[in-house]
Amino acid sequence: MSETTIGLLLLVTTLLILFSGVPIAWGLIVVAVAFLLIFEGPGSLDSVALLMLDELSSFALLTIPLFVLLGSSIGATAAGRDIYESFYRLLYRVPGGLVIANIFACGLFSAICGSSPATAAAIGKVGVPEMLRRGVSRELATGSVCAGGTLGILIPPSVTLILYGLATETSIGRLFLAGVIPGILLVLLFAVYAWLASVLENRRTRAAMSADPAPEIHFTTAEKISGLLKAGPFLMILIAVGFFMYGGFATPSEVAAIAAVLGLALVIIIYNTWRARDLWRIYSDTVRESTMILMIIAAAALYSYMLSRLYITQTAAEGLVSLQMNRWVLMVVINIFLLIAGCFLPPVAIILMCMPILTPVLEANNFDLIWFAIIMTINLEIGLITPPVGLNLFVLRGVAPDIPIGVILRGSLPFVIIMLVFMVVLSVFPELVTWLPDTVMGKGR
């Protein structure tokens, strides 16, 4: 049987296994072991356990449970509500200010916790009911939080970018820097759309408010400052991460430890989460999510080994290179594939499964792997808000159970278009991605 035939059979089998509902890690392990056993014999399984253990022995992997601990500490408290409230007090007089406040809160919260579903859930619980009460349409209210939550895998610290760095052997610090400007620009683009949409539906909003009038809201300067003071400590975490990492004072793992300790200390001091049951919830969430991610990494290493052992990776890379198509046509083809895959599979699985094949193809066509990391991440963000497995859609459905999933999807579609256009902009102006890491850390990988 040819490598191409084996590869197609592997693709179909993998998709069937993953769509069956089997946990990703176990699905990848079952497929990898089965194909090695069938096509290479029992002797090929001798090094399976050692291979998976070696993959998990990387010191860089320490960043994952530490950043997860940071996110769990924030997510287990009212920090999301306070971050949202601080932005709302500043923007409540601006047309669409309530929606913009939610988007900014999503940007800041995701920058702290690095998790898209956690961001959508934390901000959505507070923001969606408040927006609906004040006449914001259901589509805009849910769509803005649903899309804003996707920023969690782009704005550093991002577990997705960490995994990409491990899979492609690129600098995690450089990847974090590369995500800063695109992340800020995407937040601003979301905010501009929210403002325009709010202006256009202003009549309907006023009609809704007149039918069910909300009390007049006014915040004094002292109240605005008080709101900023609540979000200030969490902003300090971001400043500390940037200072220690990009100032050359600490490695990404050490920075993750600093951020985790600061985050845990803040929620203990500010929100009194020192009781055993509060800490148990934080630690159990951290262990559960970290174990899941690390198991997927180990399983993906075995899966990649199987791809290489059966010569599928090399055949796929050689096939893509031999097509001799224009490099940008190739990039479009790759992104269409990732877009389709992102509608069915989570970002972690796609990165760990696809990058062993795509990395040599990208290098052969002179694409910057740091630049592609951001393009791929935005692409995968779209998958989080598109069916059939758009995770953020279902998170928002849980937060607002009275709103049909179709309404949430309609509200998310304009943000999908914004992200697609933004990917084109980054392709035309790659310096938006590469300038900051090249300036701070010099050129390289």
Protein backbone atom coordinates (compact mmCIF):
# COMPACT_ATOMS: atom_id res chain seq x y z
CA MET A 1 0.00 0.00 0.00
CA SER A 2 1.41 3.41 -0.97
CA GLU A 3 2.15 6.16 1.53
CA THR A 4 -0.58 8.32 -0.05
CA THR A 5 -3.20 5.60 0.41
CA ILE A 6 -2.10 5.01 4.00
CA GLY A 7 -2.28 8.74 4.62
CA LEU A 8 -5.85 9.01 3.30
CA LEU A 9 -6.89 5.98 5.34
CA LEU A 10 -5.25 7.56 8.39
CA LEU A 11 -7.06 10.87 7.84
CA VAL A 12 -10.46 9.21 7.60
CA THR A 13 -9.79 6.97 10.62
CA THR A 14 -8.54 9.87 12.76
CA LEU A 15 -11.57 12.03 11.95
CA LEU A 16 -13.98 9.18 12.68
CA ILE A 17 -12.31 8.46 16.02
CA LEU A 18 -12.23 12.11 17.11
CA PHE A 19 -15.81 12.77 16.00
CA SER A 20 -16.99 9.74 17.97
CA GLY A 21 -16.53 11.70 21.18
CA VAL A 22 -13.42 9.86 22.38
CA PRO A 23 -11.06 12.21 24.30
CA ILE A 24 -8.52 13.68 21.87
CA ALA A 25 -5.45 12.25 23.62
CA TRP A 26 -6.79 8.70 23.75
CA GLY A 27 -8.09 8.93 20.19
CA LEU A 28 -4.67 9.92 18.87
CA ILE A 29 -2.96 7.17 20.89
CA VAL A 30 -5.36 4.49 19.63
CA VAL A 31 -4.95 5.54 16.00
CA ALA A 32 -1.15 5.81 16.23
CA VAL A 33 -0.72 2.43 17.95
CA ALA A 34 -3.14 0.70 15.56
CA PHE A 35 -1.41 1.98 12.42
CA LEU A 36 2.06 1.19 13.77
CA LEU A 37 0.94 -2.30 14.69
CA ILE A 38 -0.72 -2.96 11.32
CA PHE A 39 1.91 -1.50 9.00
CA GLU A 40 5.15 -1.83 11.02
CA GLY A 41 4.51 -4.79 13.30
CA PRO A 42 4.72 -5.22 17.10
CA GLY A 43 8.41 -4.23 17.16
CA SER A 44 7.50 -0.63 16.31
CA LEU A 45 5.74 -0.26 19.68
CA ASP A 46 8.88 -0.82 21.77
CA SER A 47 9.61 2.87 22.21
CA VAL A 48 6.05 4.19 22.55
CA ALA A 49 6.14 4.82 26.31
CA LEU A 50 9.65 6.30 26.22
CA LEU A 51 8.69 8.56 23.32
CA MET A 52 5.72 10.00 25.19
CA LEU A 53 7.71 10.49 28.40
CA ASP A 54 10.53 12.20 26.54
CA GLU A 55 8.07 14.62 24.97
CA LEU A 56 6.80 15.61 28.42
CA SER A 57 10.30 16.10 29.84
CA SER A 58 10.76 19.45 28.09
CA PHE A 59 11.41 22.26 30.57
CA ALA A 60 9.37 24.62 28.37
CA LEU A 61 6.22 22.63 29.20
CA LEU A 62 6.31 24.06 32.73
CA THR A 63 4.74 27.20 31.30
CA ILE A 64 1.49 25.38 30.57
CA PRO A 65 0.34 24.34 34.08
CA LEU A 66 1.63 27.63 35.49
CA PHE A 67 -0.33 29.79 33.05
CA VAL A 68 -3.33 27.48 33.54
CA LEU A 69 -3.01 28.09 37.30
CA LEU A 70 -3.05 31.83 36.61
CA GLY A 71 -6.20 31.49 34.52
CA SER A 72 -7.91 29.24 37.07
CA SER A 73 -7.14 31.72 39.86
CA ILE A 74 -8.77 34.55 37.91
CA GLY A 75 -11.66 32.46 36.63
CA ALA A 76 -12.62 31.17 40.08
CA THR A 77 -13.30 34.67 41.42
CA ALA A 78 -15.25 37.80 40.50
CA ALA A 79 -12.21 39.23 38.69
CA GLY A 80 -13.98 39.01 35.33
CA ARG A 81 -16.90 41.02 36.65
CA ASP A 82 -14.60 43.68 38.10
CA ILE A 83 -12.57 43.99 34.90
CA TYR A 84 -15.79 44.41 32.92
CA GLU A 85 -17.19 46.93 35.41
CA SER A 86 -14.05 49.09 35.29
CA PHE A 87 -14.29 49.44 31.49
CA TYR A 88 -18.04 50.02 31.60
CA ARG A 89 -17.66 52.93 34.01
CA LEU A 90 -15.29 54.61 31.55
CA LEU A 91 -17.29 53.95 28.36
CA TYR A 92 -20.96 53.98 29.43
CA ARG A 93 -21.66 57.33 27.68
CA VAL A 94 -20.15 56.25 24.32
CA PRO A 95 -22.60 54.83 21.72
CA GLY A 96 -22.19 51.11 22.06
CA GLY A 97 -20.02 51.74 25.12
CA LEU A 98 -21.51 48.78 26.95
CA VAL A 99 -20.59 46.45 24.07
CA ILE A 100 -17.15 48.01 23.71
CA ALA A 101 -16.61 47.60 27.46
CA ASN A 102 -17.31 43.89 27.09
CA ILE A 103 -14.85 43.58 24.19
CA PHE A 104 -12.09 45.43 26.09
CA ALA A 105 -12.81 43.31 29.15
CA CYS A 106 -12.50 40.18 26.99
CA GLY A 107 -9.17 41.44 25.68
CA LEU A 108 -7.76 42.10 29.14
CA PHE A 109 -9.19 38.97 30.73
CA SER A 110 -7.94 36.75 27.90
CA ALA A 111 -4.51 38.34 28.15
CA ILE A 112 -4.42 37.25 31.78
CA CYS A 113 -5.91 33.77 31.60
CA GLY A 114 -5.07 32.72 28.01
CA SER A 115 -8.28 30.69 27.62
CA SER A 116 -11.00 31.56 25.12
CA PRO A 117 -13.87 29.58 26.70
CA ALA A 118 -12.97 30.88 30.18
CA THR A 119 -13.01 34.46 28.86
CA ALA A 120 -16.34 34.03 27.10
CA ALA A 121 -17.89 32.46 30.20
CA ALA A 122 -16.49 34.94 32.74
CA ILE A 123 -17.38 38.10 30.80
CA GLY A 124 -20.57 36.67 29.32
CA LYS A 125 -22.11 35.88 32.72
CA VAL A 126 -21.96 39.55 33.64
CA GLY A 127 -22.03 41.37 30.30
CA VAL A 128 -24.71 39.60 28.26
CA PRO A 129 -27.61 40.07 30.75
CA GLU A 130 -26.61 43.71 31.28
CA MET A 131 -26.46 44.43 27.54
CA LEU A 132 -29.83 42.77 26.94
CA ARG A 133 -31.39 44.74 29.80
CA ARG A 134 -30.23 47.99 28.20
CA GLY A 135 -31.64 47.27 24.77
CA VAL A 136 -28.61 45.87 22.93
CA SER A 137 -29.75 43.33 20.35
CA ARG A 138 -29.33 39.67 21.21
CA GLU A 139 -27.08 39.15 18.18
CA LEU A 140 -24.67 41.95 19.09
CA ALA A 141 -24.68 41.16 22.82
CA THR A 142 -23.81 37.48 22.43
CA GLY A 143 -21.71 37.82 19.27
CA SER A 144 -19.40 40.44 20.78
CA VAL A 145 -18.61 38.31 23.84
CA CYS A 146 -18.40 35.11 21.80
CA ALA A 147 -15.89 36.67 19.40
CA GLY A 148 -14.12 38.63 22.13
CA GLY A 149 -13.48 35.37 23.94
CA THR A 150 -11.46 34.06 21.00
CA LEU A 151 -8.79 36.66 21.75
CA GLY A 152 -7.65 34.35 24.55
CA ILE A 153 -5.54 32.24 22.19
CA LEU A 154 -3.89 35.24 20.47
CA ILE A 155 -3.06 37.78 23.16
CA PRO A 156 -0.09 36.57 25.24
CA PRO A 157 0.32 34.65 27.43
CA SER A 158 -1.30 32.08 25.14
CA VAL A 159 -1.16 28.32 25.64
CA THR A 160 -1.83 27.93 21.91
CA LEU A 161 1.29 29.94 21.02
CA ILE A 162 3.30 27.94 23.56
CA LEU A 163 2.27 24.69 21.87
CA TYR A 164 3.03 26.13 18.45
CA GLY A 165 6.51 27.09 19.66
CA LEU A 166 7.10 23.58 20.96
CA ALA A 167 5.82 21.98 17.76
CA THR A 168 7.93 24.18 15.45
CA GLU A 169 10.93 24.78 17.75
CA THR A 170 10.43 28.54 17.59
CA SER A 171 10.96 31.00 20.44
CA ILE A 172 7.96 31.25 22.76
CA GLY A 173 9.02 34.75 23.82
CA ARG A 174 9.16 35.83 20.17
CA LEU A 175 5.73 34.31 19.54
CA PHE A 176 4.28 36.18 22.53
CA LEU A 177 5.67 39.46 21.17
CA ALA A 178 4.32 38.68 17.71
CA GLY A 179 0.81 38.39 19.12
CA VAL A 180 0.80 41.77 20.88
CA ILE A 181 0.14 44.18 17.98
CA PRO A 182 -2.31 41.90 16.09
CA GLY A 183 -4.13 41.24 19.36
CA ILE A 184 -4.50 44.96 20.14
CA LEU A 185 -5.56 45.75 16.58
CA LEU A 186 -8.16 42.99 16.60
CA VAL A 187 -9.62 44.29 19.87
CA LEU A 188 -9.84 47.78 18.32
CA LEU A 189 -11.44 46.46 15.12
CA PHE A 190 -14.03 44.58 17.18
CA ALA A 191 -14.70 47.77 19.15
CA VAL A 192 -15.11 49.87 15.98
CA TYR A 193 -17.64 47.38 14.61
CA ALA A 194 -19.49 47.38 17.93
CA TRP A 195 -19.68 51.18 17.82
CA LEU A 196 -20.97 51.22 14.23
CA ALA A 197 -23.51 48.46 14.90
CA SER A 198 -24.72 50.26 18.02
CA VAL A 199 -25.17 53.54 16.15
CA LEU A 200 -27.14 51.79 13.38
CA GLU A 201 -29.49 50.07 15.82
CA ASN A 202 -29.80 53.10 18.10
CA ARG A 203 -33.47 53.60 17.30
CA ARG A 204 -34.33 50.04 18.18
CA THR A 205 -32.31 50.32 21.36
CA ARG A 206 -34.15 53.47 22.42
CA ALA A 207 -37.48 51.82 21.65
CA ALA A 208 -36.59 48.82 23.76
CA MET A 209 -35.46 51.03 26.63
CA SER A 210 -38.63 53.14 26.42
CA ALA A 211 -40.72 49.98 26.58
CA ASP A 212 -38.74 48.78 29.59
CA PRO A 213 -36.89 51.86 30.80
CA ALA A 214 -33.65 51.32 32.65
CA PRO A 215 -32.65 53.68 35.44
CA GLU A 216 -30.39 56.55 34.50
CA ILE A 217 -26.78 55.59 35.08
CA HIS A 218 -24.08 58.01 36.15
CA PHE A 219 -20.62 57.34 37.52
CA THR A 220 -18.61 59.93 39.41
CA THR A 221 -14.89 60.38 38.88
CA ALA A 222 -14.27 58.62 42.19
CA GLU A 223 -16.32 55.63 41.03
CA LYS A 224 -14.40 55.48 37.75
CA ILE A 225 -11.10 55.55 39.62
CA SER A 226 -12.39 52.88 41.98
CA GLY A 227 -13.22 50.67 38.99
CA LEU A 228 -9.74 51.14 37.56
CA LEU A 229 -8.21 50.24 40.92
CA LYS A 230 -10.02 46.90 40.80
CA ALA A 231 -8.60 46.07 37.36
CA GLY A 232 -5.22 47.65 38.12
CA PRO A 233 -3.68 44.70 39.99
CA PHE A 234 -4.39 42.39 37.07
CA LEU A 235 -2.89 44.89 34.67
CA MET A 236 0.20 44.75 36.84
CA ILE A 237 0.47 41.03 36.11
CA LEU A 238 0.68 41.77 32.39
CA ILE A 239 3.26 44.48 33.02
CA ALA A 240 5.29 42.10 35.19
CA VAL A 241 5.15 39.38 32.51
CA GLY A 242 6.36 41.80 29.84
CA PHE A 243 9.05 43.33 32.05
CA PHE A 244 10.62 40.08 33.19
CA MET A 245 10.35 38.19 29.90
CA TYR A 246 11.25 40.86 27.37
CA GLY A 247 13.70 42.61 29.63
CA GLY A 248 15.80 39.45 29.62
CA PHE A 249 15.43 38.91 33.36
CA ALA A 250 13.65 35.55 33.17
CA THR A 251 12.78 32.67 30.87
CA PRO A 252 9.16 31.99 29.81
CA SER A 253 8.91 29.26 32.45
CA GLU A 254 10.14 31.59 35.18
CA VAL A 255 7.79 34.33 33.99
CA ALA A 256 4.89 31.87 34.09
CA ALA A 257 5.79 31.03 37.69
CA ILE A 258 5.90 34.72 38.62
CA ALA A 259 2.53 35.37 36.94
CA ALA A 260 0.92 32.34 38.59
CA VAL A 261 2.13 33.34 42.06
CA LEU A 262 1.02 36.95 41.55
CA GLY A 263 -2.40 35.91 40.26
CA LEU A 264 -2.97 33.48 43.14
CA ALA A 265 -1.80 36.05 45.69
CA LEU A 266 -4.10 38.72 44.26
CA VAL A 267 -7.24 36.58 44.36
CA ILE A 268 -6.41 35.45 47.89
CA ILE A 269 -5.90 39.03 49.09
CA ILE A 270 -8.63 40.80 47.09
CA TYR A 271 -11.34 38.12 46.98
CA ASN A 272 -10.55 36.21 50.20
CA THR A 273 -10.09 32.89 48.42
CA TRP A 274 -7.87 31.52 51.19
CA ARG A 275 -10.31 28.88 52.38
CA ALA A 276 -9.56 25.25 51.57
CA ARG A 277 -12.65 24.81 49.37
CA ASP A 278 -11.74 27.91 47.30
CA LEU A 279 -8.15 26.82 46.80
CA TRP A 280 -9.25 23.26 46.06
CA ARG A 281 -11.41 24.50 43.20
CA ILE A 282 -8.53 26.49 41.74
CA TYR A 283 -6.04 23.65 42.05
CA SER A 284 -8.41 20.96 40.80
CA ASP A 285 -9.30 23.02 37.72
CA THR A 286 -5.59 23.57 37.09
CA VAL A 287 -4.71 19.89 37.41
CA ARG A 288 -7.61 18.79 35.22
CA GLU A 289 -6.92 21.23 32.36
CA SER A 290 -3.13 20.88 32.55
CA THR A 291 -3.33 17.09 32.51
CA MET A 292 -5.62 17.20 29.51
CA ILE A 293 -3.26 19.46 27.55
CA LEU A 294 -0.12 17.50 28.50
CA MET A 295 -1.77 14.21 27.57
CA ILE A 296 -2.66 15.64 24.18
CA ILE A 297 0.95 16.77 23.73
CA ALA A 298 2.28 13.29 24.56
CA ALA A 299 -0.29 11.66 22.29
CA ALA A 300 0.50 14.08 19.46
CA ALA A 301 4.20 13.20 19.78
CA LEU A 302 3.34 9.54 19.30
CA TYR A 303 1.05 10.45 16.41
CA SER A 304 3.82 12.50 14.76
CA TYR A 305 6.26 9.61 15.26
CA MET A 306 3.80 7.30 13.53
CA LEU A 307 3.41 9.77 10.64
CA SER A 308 7.17 9.94 10.20
CA ARG A 309 7.70 6.18 10.62
CA LEU A 310 5.14 5.44 7.90
CA TYR A 311 6.67 8.22 5.73
CA ILE A 312 3.33 10.04 5.59
CA THR A 313 4.72 13.39 6.78
CA GLN A 314 7.50 13.34 4.21
CA THR A 315 5.17 12.27 1.41
CA ALA A 316 2.62 14.98 2.22
CA ALA A 317 5.32 17.67 2.42
CA GLU A 318 6.95 16.52 -0.83
CA GLY A 319 3.54 16.43 -2.50
CA LEU A 320 2.70 19.98 -1.49
CA VAL A 321 6.12 21.26 -2.57
CA SER A 322 5.99 19.40 -5.88
CA LEU A 323 2.73 21.10 -6.84
CA GLN A 324 4.84 24.15 -7.69
CA MET A 325 1.92 26.50 -7.20
CA ASN A 326 2.33 30.14 -6.34
CA ARG A 327 3.36 30.44 -2.69
CA TRP A 328 0.35 32.62 -1.88
CA VAL A 329 -2.03 30.21 -3.58
CA LEU A 330 -0.48 27.52 -1.39
CA MET A 331 -1.04 29.73 1.67
CA VAL A 332 -4.71 30.13 0.72
CA VAL A 333 -5.06 26.34 0.33
CA ILE A 334 -3.42 25.78 3.74
CA ASN A 335 -5.71 28.32 5.40
CA ILE A 336 -8.83 26.83 3.83
CA PHE A 337 -7.79 23.45 5.18
CA LEU A 338 -7.14 24.91 8.65
CA LEU A 339 -10.45 26.78 8.54
CA ILE A 340 -12.35 23.57 7.80
CA ALA A 341 -10.36 21.62 10.39
CA GLY A 342 -10.96 24.37 12.96
CA CYS A 343 -14.72 23.90 12.58
CA PHE A 344 -14.38 20.33 13.88
CA LEU A 345 -11.24 20.10 16.03
CA PRO A 346 -9.84 22.23 18.88
CA PRO A 347 -6.79 24.44 18.20
CA VAL A 348 -4.46 22.30 20.36
CA ALA A 349 -5.14 19.17 18.29
CA ILE A 350 -4.77 20.97 14.97
CA ILE A 351 -1.43 22.54 15.86
CA LEU A 352 0.10 19.36 17.20
CA MET A 353 -1.20 17.22 14.32
CA CYS A 354 -0.60 19.57 11.39
CA MET A 355 2.60 21.49 12.13
CA PRO A 356 4.95 18.48 11.67
CA ILE A 357 3.65 18.35 8.09
CA LEU A 358 3.28 22.08 7.42
CA THR A 359 6.60 23.27 8.90
CA PRO A 360 8.86 21.91 6.10
CA VAL A 361 6.36 23.12 3.48
CA LEU A 362 6.33 26.65 4.95
CA GLU A 363 10.12 26.74 5.18
CA ALA A 364 10.48 25.49 1.60
CA ASN A 365 8.28 28.35 0.43
CA ASN A 366 10.10 30.98 2.55
CA PHE A 367 7.23 31.75 4.91
CA ASP A 368 8.17 33.14 8.31
CA LEU A 369 7.08 30.63 10.97
CA ILE A 370 6.53 33.43 13.51
CA TRP A 371 4.26 35.27 11.09
CA PHE A 372 2.39 32.08 10.23
CA ALA A 373 1.81 31.40 13.93
CA ILE A 374 -0.37 34.51 14.15
CA ILE A 375 -2.16 33.78 10.87
CA MET A 376 -2.88 30.24 12.04
CA THR A 377 -4.02 31.40 15.47
CA ILE A 378 -6.53 33.87 14.01
CA ASN A 379 -7.71 31.13 11.66
CA LEU A 380 -8.26 28.81 14.61
CA GLU A 381 -10.05 31.60 16.48
CA ILE A 382 -12.66 31.54 13.73
CA GLY A 383 -13.17 27.83 14.37
CA LEU A 384 -14.11 28.63 17.96
CA ILE A 385 -17.17 30.58 16.82
CA THR A 386 -18.28 28.53 13.81
CA PRO A 387 -20.35 25.33 13.86
CA PRO A 388 -20.53 22.41 14.25
CA VAL A 389 -17.99 22.42 17.11
CA GLY A 390 -17.63 26.13 17.82
CA LEU A 391 -16.79 25.86 21.52
CA ASN A 392 -17.47 29.51 22.34
CA LEU A 393 -20.93 29.26 20.76
CA PHE A 394 -21.91 26.61 23.27
CA VAL A 395 -20.26 28.46 26.14
CA LEU A 396 -22.43 31.50 25.36
CA ARG A 397 -25.44 29.21 24.97
CA GLY A 398 -24.80 28.02 28.51
CA VAL A 399 -24.42 31.59 29.79
CA ALA A 400 -27.59 32.76 27.99
CA PRO A 401 -29.80 29.63 27.71
CA ASP A 402 -32.83 31.63 26.52
CA ILE A 403 -31.03 32.72 23.33
CA PRO A 404 -31.05 30.20 20.44
CA ILE A 405 -27.68 29.07 19.07
CA GLY A 406 -28.67 30.47 15.65
CA VAL A 407 -28.94 33.98 17.10
CA ILE A 408 -25.50 33.69 18.69
CA LEU A 409 -24.08 32.45 15.39
CA ARG A 410 -25.60 35.37 13.46
CA GLY A 411 -24.12 37.79 15.95
CA SER A 412 -20.69 36.17 15.57
CA LEU A 413 -20.59 36.19 11.74
CA PRO A 414 -19.58 39.88 11.36
CA PHE A 415 -16.62 39.23 13.66
CA VAL A 416 -15.67 36.20 11.54
CA ILE A 417 -15.58 38.50 8.49
CA ILE A 418 -13.42 40.99 10.40
CA MET A 419 -10.93 38.24 11.29
CA LEU A 420 -10.78 36.96 7.70
CA VAL A 421 -10.11 40.47 6.40
CA PHE A 422 -7.52 40.99 9.13
CA MET A 423 -5.67 37.85 8.00
CA VAL A 424 -5.42 39.40 4.53
CA VAL A 425 -4.12 42.64 6.04
CA LEU A 426 -1.43 40.74 7.96
CA SER A 427 -0.46 38.96 4.74
CA VAL A 428 -0.04 42.29 2.95
CA PHE A 429 1.71 43.92 5.93
CA PRO A 430 3.59 41.11 7.73
CA GLU A 431 5.56 43.75 9.64
CA LEU A 432 2.53 44.13 11.91
CA VAL A 433 3.50 40.71 13.25
CA THR A 434 7.28 40.65 12.91
CA TRP A 435 8.27 44.23 13.80
CA LEU A 436 7.91 43.97 17.58
CA PRO A 437 9.75 40.63 18.07
CA ASP A 438 12.49 41.69 15.63
CA THR A 439 12.89 45.03 17.42
CA VAL A 440 12.97 43.60 20.94
CA MET A 441 14.79 40.30 20.34
CA GLY A 442 16.52 40.76 16.99
CA LYS A 443 15.79 38.77 13.85
CA GLY A 444 15.60 35.01 14.07
CA ARG A 445 13.31 32.20 15.25
